[in-house]
Amino acid sequence: MKDKPSFLVWTDIETTGIQIKDNYLLEVAMAITKWDFEVIEYATYTVAPDAETDAWVGVMEEFVYNMHMDNGLIEDILKGDSLAASEVDGKLHDMLAAHGDLGLAMMAGSGVDRFDRPWIEATLPATFGQFHYRGVDLSSIRSFLAGVGLPHVLPSASDTDTKTHRALDDVMQAIEEAKGLAFVLNEMAAPMYAMENGVITQTSIEAGTATTEKIKEN
């Protein structure tokens, strides 16, 4: 069993489409943080598809094509200074390896479990090997909070209309959303704990009554 992950890697990719076998990786960004969500190091790369321009542009649906034209991603790739996926894989692997042992990076972001993680496994295998099997997926947290009647807990950055669909922008937005969410949850939890004369107590509220229990004494 792998040890507990020691740092978070906020991750986002941009592609020509959803299905891996029929599409191409276009851009990837990763930013390393601890649980204070302060960025320690980050990297972002545009990826040169292993295909002729007509082929990788041609597989995009109209919505995706327009999105990547508007945000400048297609133009940036066509400039010719993008890296092959294998080069990007090596650079990202080395960045993650410099911050912790193999398998101790926890992938984090919005939608990473169902989208980014499978793509990275398929296209950036050395980088994928650095990741722990656990992850932090903000979209799953968002769905859970909405499902239990707490949609107000989410900060405004969860509004997907603000996304540029450029990898680094979306990574930084996810980090800001995590900061906001952590702040709100801490504010909600704070009234439940108190310290008096070196004794930490926890207050539980159930069926309209409050009970206080000693949980630690210094």
C-alpha atoms as a PDB file:
ATOM      1  CA  MET A   1       0.000   0.000   0.000  1.00  0.00           C
ATOM      2  CA  LYS A   2       1.268   3.467  -0.854  1.00  0.00           C
ATOM      3  CA  ASP A   3       2.047   5.944   1.917  1.00  0.00           C
ATOM      4  CA  LYS A   4      -0.269   8.881   2.439  1.00  0.00           C
ATOM      5  CA  PRO A   5       0.128  11.590  -0.230  1.00  0.00           C
ATOM      6  CA  SER A   6       2.353  14.440   0.884  1.00  0.00           C
ATOM      7  CA  PHE A   7       1.316  17.213  -1.528  1.00  0.00           C
ATOM      8  CA  LEU A   8      -1.419  18.281  -3.935  1.00  0.00           C
ATOM      9  CA  VAL A   9      -0.956  18.668  -7.678  1.00  0.00           C
ATOM     10  CA  TRP A  10      -3.679  20.841  -9.161  1.00  0.00           C
ATOM     11  CA  THR A  11      -4.145  19.602 -12.695  1.00  0.00           C
ATOM     12  CA  ASP A  12      -5.978  20.602 -15.841  1.00  0.00           C
ATOM     13  CA  ILE A  13      -5.747  19.498 -19.448  1.00  0.00           C
ATOM     14  CA  GLU A  14      -7.241  20.701 -22.698  1.00  0.00           C
ATOM     15  CA  THR A  15      -7.964  18.286 -25.537  1.00  0.00           C
ATOM     16  CA  THR A  16      -9.648  18.118 -28.917  1.00  0.00           C
ATOM     17  CA  GLY A  17     -12.488  16.074 -27.414  1.00  0.00           C
ATOM     18  CA  ILE A  18     -13.532  13.700 -24.650  1.00  0.00           C
ATOM     19  CA  GLN A  19     -12.738  10.218 -25.978  1.00  0.00           C
ATOM     20  CA  ILE A  20      -9.032   9.439 -25.634  1.00  0.00           C
ATOM     21  CA  LYS A  21      -8.742   7.027 -28.554  1.00  0.00           C
ATOM     22  CA  ASP A  22     -10.171   9.502 -31.078  1.00  0.00           C
ATOM     23  CA  ASN A  23      -8.641  12.763 -29.839  1.00  0.00           C
ATOM     24  CA  TYR A  24      -5.438  14.598 -28.957  1.00  0.00           C
ATOM     25  CA  LEU A  25      -3.946  16.221 -25.882  1.00  0.00           C
ATOM     26  CA  LEU A  26      -3.393  19.947 -26.515  1.00  0.00           C
ATOM     27  CA  GLU A  27      -2.362  21.519 -23.220  1.00  0.00           C
ATOM     28  CA  VAL A  28      -1.559  20.551 -19.637  1.00  0.00           C
ATOM     29  CA  ALA A  29      -0.861  22.546 -16.499  1.00  0.00           C
ATOM     30  CA  MET A  30       0.069  21.440 -12.977  1.00  0.00           C
ATOM     31  CA  ALA A  31       0.599  23.444  -9.796  1.00  0.00           C
ATOM     32  CA  ILE A  32       1.964  22.010  -6.555  1.00  0.00           C
ATOM     33  CA  THR A  33       0.593  23.065  -3.157  1.00  0.00           C
ATOM     34  CA  LYS A  34       0.347  21.816   0.386  1.00  0.00           C
ATOM     35  CA  TRP A  35      -2.963  22.075   2.270  1.00  0.00           C
ATOM     36  CA  ASP A  36      -2.580  25.836   2.643  1.00  0.00           C
ATOM     37  CA  PHE A  37      -3.189  26.053  -1.122  1.00  0.00           C
ATOM     38  CA  GLU A  38      -0.197  28.324  -1.668  1.00  0.00           C
ATOM     39  CA  VAL A  39       1.520  27.506  -4.966  1.00  0.00           C
ATOM     40  CA  ILE A  40       5.030  26.099  -4.542  1.00  0.00           C
ATOM     41  CA  GLU A  41       5.780  25.454  -8.209  1.00  0.00           C
ATOM     42  CA  TYR A  42       3.813  25.237 -11.428  1.00  0.00           C
ATOM     43  CA  ALA A  43       4.303  24.407 -15.085  1.00  0.00           C
ATOM     44  CA  THR A  44       2.179  24.663 -18.198  1.00  0.00           C
ATOM     45  CA  TYR A  45       2.831  23.334 -21.703  1.00  0.00           C
ATOM     46  CA  THR A  46       1.086  23.298 -25.031  1.00  0.00           C
ATOM     47  CA  VAL A  47       1.392  19.887 -26.661  1.00  0.00           C
ATOM     48  CA  ALA A  48       2.117  19.291 -30.331  1.00  0.00           C
ATOM     49  CA  PRO A  49      -0.321  16.615 -31.534  1.00  0.00           C
ATOM     50  CA  ASP A  50       1.259  13.648 -33.296  1.00  0.00           C
ATOM     51  CA  ALA A  51      -0.769  14.273 -36.440  1.00  0.00           C
ATOM     52  CA  GLU A  52      -1.131  16.687 -39.332  1.00  0.00           C
ATOM     53  CA  THR A  53      -2.912  19.945 -38.503  1.00  0.00           C
ATOM     54  CA  ASP A  54      -5.974  19.030 -40.569  1.00  0.00           C
ATOM     55  CA  ALA A  55      -6.303  15.777 -38.637  1.00  0.00           C
ATOM     56  CA  TRP A  56      -6.264  17.121 -35.069  1.00  0.00           C
ATOM     57  CA  VAL A  57      -8.215  20.261 -35.881  1.00  0.00           C
ATOM     58  CA  GLY A  58     -10.689  18.238 -37.908  1.00  0.00           C
ATOM     59  CA  VAL A  59     -11.721  15.960 -35.033  1.00  0.00           C
ATOM     60  CA  MET A  60     -12.960  18.866 -32.912  1.00  0.00           C
ATOM     61  CA  GLU A  61     -16.653  19.463 -32.637  1.00  0.00           C
ATOM     62  CA  GLU A  62     -17.710  22.979 -33.597  1.00  0.00           C
ATOM     63  CA  PHE A  63     -18.135  24.068 -29.974  1.00  0.00           C
ATOM     64  CA  VAL A  64     -14.641  22.868 -29.017  1.00  0.00           C
ATOM     65  CA  TYR A  65     -13.070  24.391 -32.124  1.00  0.00           C
ATOM     66  CA  ASN A  66     -14.660  27.777 -31.459  1.00  0.00           C
ATOM     67  CA  MET A  67     -13.660  27.633 -27.803  1.00  0.00           C
ATOM     68  CA  HIS A  68     -10.001  26.913 -28.583  1.00  0.00           C
ATOM     69  CA  MET A  69      -9.939  29.529 -31.325  1.00  0.00           C
ATOM     70  CA  ASP A  70     -11.380  32.167 -28.996  1.00  0.00           C
ATOM     71  CA  ASN A  71      -8.986  31.386 -26.129  1.00  0.00           C
ATOM     72  CA  GLY A  72      -5.934  31.291 -28.414  1.00  0.00           C
ATOM     73  CA  LEU A  73      -4.936  27.665 -27.804  1.00  0.00           C
ATOM     74  CA  ILE A  74      -5.024  26.590 -31.454  1.00  0.00           C
ATOM     75  CA  GLU A  75      -3.015  29.652 -32.449  1.00  0.00           C
ATOM     76  CA  ASP A  76      -0.421  28.937 -29.752  1.00  0.00           C
ATOM     77  CA  ILE A  77       0.037  25.346 -30.954  1.00  0.00           C
ATOM     78  CA  LEU A  78       0.334  26.421 -34.588  1.00  0.00           C
ATOM     79  CA  LYS A  79       3.199  28.781 -33.694  1.00  0.00           C
ATOM     80  CA  GLY A  80       5.361  25.671 -33.675  1.00  0.00           C
ATOM     81  CA  ASP A  81       6.998  25.940 -30.253  1.00  0.00           C
ATOM     82  CA  SER A  82       4.827  23.311 -28.543  1.00  0.00           C
ATOM     83  CA  LEU A  83       6.447  20.156 -27.162  1.00  0.00           C
ATOM     84  CA  ALA A  84       5.808  16.530 -27.970  1.00  0.00           C
ATOM     85  CA  ALA A  85       3.828  14.674 -25.326  1.00  0.00           C
ATOM     86  CA  SER A  86       6.893  12.604 -24.419  1.00  0.00           C
ATOM     87  CA  GLU A  87       8.889  15.778 -23.674  1.00  0.00           C
ATOM     88  CA  VAL A  88       6.082  17.212 -21.578  1.00  0.00           C
ATOM     89  CA  ASP A  89       5.838  13.904 -19.736  1.00  0.00           C
ATOM     90  CA  GLY A  90       9.511  14.019 -18.810  1.00  0.00           C
ATOM     91  CA  LYS A  91       9.397  17.608 -17.596  1.00  0.00           C
ATOM     92  CA  LEU A  92       6.295  17.131 -15.461  1.00  0.00           C
ATOM     93  CA  HIS A  93       7.610  13.848 -14.059  1.00  0.00           C
ATOM     94  CA  ASP A  94      10.816  15.563 -12.979  1.00  0.00           C
ATOM     95  CA  MET A  95       8.945  18.455 -11.383  1.00  0.00           C
ATOM     96  CA  LEU A  96       6.771  16.136  -9.303  1.00  0.00           C
ATOM     97  CA  ALA A  97       9.648  13.818  -8.415  1.00  0.00           C
ATOM     98  CA  ALA A  98      11.585  16.776  -6.985  1.00  0.00           C
ATOM     99  CA  HIS A  99       8.848  17.335  -4.391  1.00  0.00           C
ATOM    100  CA  GLY A 100       8.262  13.840  -3.053  1.00  0.00           C
ATOM    101  CA  ASP A 101       8.713  10.120  -3.429  1.00  0.00           C
ATOM    102  CA  LEU A 102       7.038   8.083  -6.141  1.00  0.00           C
ATOM    103  CA  GLY A 103       3.276   7.898  -5.712  1.00  0.00           C
ATOM    104  CA  LEU A 104       2.913  10.618  -3.075  1.00  0.00           C
ATOM    105  CA  ALA A 105       1.374  13.323  -5.266  1.00  0.00           C
ATOM    106  CA  MET A 106      -2.392  13.714  -4.910  1.00  0.00           C
ATOM    107  CA  MET A 107      -4.087  14.878  -8.113  1.00  0.00           C
ATOM    108  CA  ALA A 108      -6.515  17.719  -7.471  1.00  0.00           C
ATOM    109  CA  GLY A 109      -8.775  19.908  -9.555  1.00  0.00           C
ATOM    110  CA  SER A 110     -12.238  20.060 -11.029  1.00  0.00           C
ATOM    111  CA  GLY A 111     -13.374  16.921 -12.843  1.00  0.00           C
ATOM    112  CA  VAL A 112      -9.952  15.295 -12.532  1.00  0.00           C
ATOM    113  CA  ASP A 113     -11.186  11.837 -11.535  1.00  0.00           C
ATOM    114  CA  ARG A 114     -13.242  11.183 -14.644  1.00  0.00           C
ATOM    115  CA  PHE A 115     -11.436  13.300 -17.234  1.00  0.00           C
ATOM    116  CA  ASP A 116      -7.883  14.451 -16.494  1.00  0.00           C
ATOM    117  CA  ARG A 117      -6.663  11.316 -14.684  1.00  0.00           C
ATOM    118  CA  PRO A 118      -7.496   8.849 -17.508  1.00  0.00           C
ATOM    119  CA  TRP A 119      -6.007  11.194 -20.108  1.00  0.00           C
ATOM    120  CA  ILE A 120      -2.780  11.615 -18.149  1.00  0.00           C
ATOM    121  CA  GLU A 121      -2.508   7.871 -17.621  1.00  0.00           C
ATOM    122  CA  ALA A 122      -2.820   7.327 -21.389  1.00  0.00           C
ATOM    123  CA  THR A 123      -0.669  10.184 -22.680  1.00  0.00           C
ATOM    124  CA  LEU A 124       1.778  11.070 -19.873  1.00  0.00           C
ATOM    125  CA  PRO A 125       2.597   7.698 -18.277  1.00  0.00           C
ATOM    126  CA  ALA A 126       5.752   8.713 -16.390  1.00  0.00           C
ATOM    127  CA  THR A 127       3.934  11.645 -14.827  1.00  0.00           C
ATOM    128  CA  PHE A 128       0.955   9.460 -13.997  1.00  0.00           C
ATOM    129  CA  GLY A 129       3.246   7.119 -12.066  1.00  0.00           C
ATOM    130  CA  GLN A 130       3.981   9.906  -9.585  1.00  0.00           C
ATOM    131  CA  PHE A 131       0.366  10.121  -8.459  1.00  0.00           C
ATOM    132  CA  HIS A 132      -1.307   8.530  -5.460  1.00  0.00           C
ATOM    133  CA  TYR A 133      -4.536   6.660  -6.104  1.00  0.00           C
ATOM    134  CA  ARG A 134      -6.414   9.191  -3.979  1.00  0.00           C
ATOM    135  CA  GLY A 135      -7.436  12.543  -5.371  1.00  0.00           C
ATOM    136  CA  VAL A 136      -9.363  15.719  -4.640  1.00  0.00           C
ATOM    137  CA  ASP A 137     -12.092  16.357  -7.184  1.00  0.00           C
ATOM    138  CA  LEU A 138     -13.882  19.648  -6.595  1.00  0.00           C
ATOM    139  CA  SER A 139     -16.706  18.746  -8.957  1.00  0.00           C
ATOM    140  CA  SER A 140     -17.538  15.716  -6.786  1.00  0.00           C
ATOM    141  CA  ILE A 141     -17.401  17.851  -3.636  1.00  0.00           C
ATOM    142  CA  ARG A 142     -19.639  20.402  -5.361  1.00  0.00           C
ATOM    143  CA  SER A 143     -22.197  17.721  -6.221  1.00  0.00           C
ATOM    144  CA  PHE A 144     -22.115  16.289  -2.700  1.00  0.00           C
ATOM    145  CA  LEU A 145     -22.677  19.659  -1.037  1.00  0.00           C
ATOM    146  CA  ALA A 146     -25.538  20.474  -3.387  1.00  0.00           C
ATOM    147  CA  GLY A 147     -27.048  17.034  -2.752  1.00  0.00           C
ATOM    148  CA  VAL A 148     -27.123  17.496   1.017  1.00  0.00           C
ATOM    149  CA  GLY A 149     -28.627  20.959   0.724  1.00  0.00           C
ATOM    150  CA  LEU A 150     -25.492  23.076   1.137  1.00  0.00           C
ATOM    151  CA  PRO A 151     -24.963  24.689  -2.275  1.00  0.00           C
ATOM    152  CA  HIS A 152     -24.318  28.028  -0.534  1.00  0.00           C
ATOM    153  CA  VAL A 153     -21.061  26.600   0.844  1.00  0.00           C
ATOM    154  CA  LEU A 154     -19.446  26.850  -2.599  1.00  0.00           C
ATOM    155  CA  PRO A 155     -17.558  30.032  -3.456  1.00  0.00           C
ATOM    156  CA  SER A 156     -18.457  31.985  -6.571  1.00  0.00           C
ATOM    157  CA  ALA A 157     -15.434  30.576  -8.463  1.00  0.00           C
ATOM    158  CA  SER A 158     -17.433  27.382  -9.008  1.00  0.00           C
ATOM    159  CA  ASP A 159     -19.336  29.217 -11.757  1.00  0.00           C
ATOM    160  CA  THR A 160     -18.060  27.395 -14.854  1.00  0.00           C
ATOM    161  CA  ASP A 161     -18.975  30.371 -17.066  1.00  0.00           C
ATOM    162  CA  THR A 162     -15.812  32.070 -15.788  1.00  0.00           C
ATOM    163  CA  LYS A 163     -13.503  29.354 -17.170  1.00  0.00           C
ATOM    164  CA  THR A 164     -11.185  30.317 -20.016  1.00  0.00           C
ATOM    165  CA  HIS A 165     -10.507  26.661 -20.867  1.00  0.00           C
ATOM    166  CA  ARG A 166      -6.779  27.336 -20.806  1.00  0.00           C
ATOM    167  CA  ALA A 167      -5.066  24.843 -18.549  1.00  0.00           C
ATOM    168  CA  LEU A 168      -3.153  27.171 -16.217  1.00  0.00           C
ATOM    169  CA  ASP A 169      -6.083  29.574 -15.805  1.00  0.00           C
ATOM    170  CA  ASP A 170      -8.364  26.705 -14.835  1.00  0.00           C
ATOM    171  CA  VAL A 171      -5.783  25.278 -12.409  1.00  0.00           C
ATOM    172  CA  MET A 172      -5.445  28.606 -10.612  1.00  0.00           C
ATOM    173  CA  GLN A 173      -9.216  29.016 -10.501  1.00  0.00           C
ATOM    174  CA  ALA A 174      -9.574  25.589  -8.908  1.00  0.00           C
ATOM    175  CA  ILE A 175      -7.019  26.517  -6.244  1.00  0.00           C
ATOM    176  CA  GLU A 176      -8.920  29.709  -5.445  1.00  0.00           C
ATOM    177  CA  GLU A 177     -12.148  27.732  -5.221  1.00  0.00           C
ATOM    178  CA  ALA A 178     -10.483  25.293  -2.803  1.00  0.00           C
ATOM    179  CA  LYS A 179      -9.246  28.176  -0.660  1.00  0.00           C
ATOM    180  CA  GLY A 180     -12.748  29.618  -0.491  1.00  0.00           C
ATOM    181  CA  LEU A 181     -14.316  26.277   0.300  1.00  0.00           C
ATOM    182  CA  ALA A 182     -11.794  25.579   3.070  1.00  0.00           C
ATOM    183  CA  PHE A 183     -12.457  29.003   4.599  1.00  0.00           C
ATOM    184  CA  VAL A 184     -16.229  28.504   4.628  1.00  0.00           C
ATOM    185  CA  LEU A 185     -15.978  25.004   6.115  1.00  0.00           C
ATOM    186  CA  ASN A 186     -13.633  26.222   8.836  1.00  0.00           C
ATOM    187  CA  GLU A 187     -16.022  29.053   9.657  1.00  0.00           C
ATOM    188  CA  MET A 188     -18.880  26.564   9.914  1.00  0.00           C
ATOM    189  CA  ALA A 189     -16.864  24.226  12.133  1.00  0.00           C
ATOM    190  CA  ALA A 190     -15.415  26.874  14.450  1.00  0.00           C
ATOM    191  CA  PRO A 191     -18.512  27.284  16.697  1.00  0.00           C
ATOM    192  CA  MET A 192     -18.461  23.535  17.339  1.00  0.00           C
ATOM    193  CA  TYR A 193     -15.128  23.704  19.193  1.00  0.00           C
ATOM    194  CA  ALA A 194     -13.959  25.681  22.225  1.00  0.00           C
ATOM    195  CA  MET A 195     -11.016  25.795  24.628  1.00  0.00           C
ATOM    196  CA  GLU A 196     -11.224  26.779  28.263  1.00  0.00           C
ATOM    197  CA  ASN A 197      -8.538  26.248  30.884  1.00  0.00           C
ATOM    198  CA  GLY A 198      -6.546  24.045  28.511  1.00  0.00           C
ATOM    199  CA  VAL A 199      -9.529  21.760  27.747  1.00  0.00           C
ATOM    200  CA  ILE A 200     -10.817  21.396  24.165  1.00  0.00           C
ATOM    201  CA  THR A 201     -14.513  20.572  23.969  1.00  0.00           C
ATOM    202  CA  GLN A 202     -16.708  19.593  21.054  1.00  0.00           C
ATOM    203  CA  THR A 203     -20.359  20.569  20.894  1.00  0.00           C
ATOM    204  CA  SER A 204     -22.722  18.231  19.056  1.00  0.00           C
ATOM    205  CA  ILE A 205     -26.135  19.380  17.891  1.00  0.00           C
ATOM    206  CA  GLU A 206     -28.716  16.673  17.409  1.00  0.00           C
ATOM    207  CA  ALA A 207     -32.510  16.746  17.441  1.00  0.00           C
ATOM    208  CA  GLY A 208     -32.513  20.359  18.571  1.00  0.00           C
ATOM    209  CA  THR A 209     -30.343  19.850  21.670  1.00  0.00           C
ATOM    210  CA  ALA A 210     -26.677  20.603  22.261  1.00  0.00           C
ATOM    211  CA  THR A 211     -24.298  18.437  24.253  1.00  0.00           C
ATOM    212  CA  THR A 212     -20.685  19.225  25.094  1.00  0.00           C
ATOM    213  CA  GLU A 213     -17.975  16.560  25.334  1.00  0.00           C
ATOM    214  CA  LYS A 214     -14.365  16.894  26.421  1.00  0.00           C
ATOM    215  CA  ILE A 215     -12.181  15.628  23.579  1.00  0.00           C
ATOM    216  CA  LYS A 216      -8.681  16.741  24.674  1.00  0.00           C
ATOM    217  CA  GLU A 217      -7.012  18.130  27.763  1.00  0.00           C
ATOM    218  CA  ASN A 218      -3.598  19.779  27.602  1.00  0.00           C
END
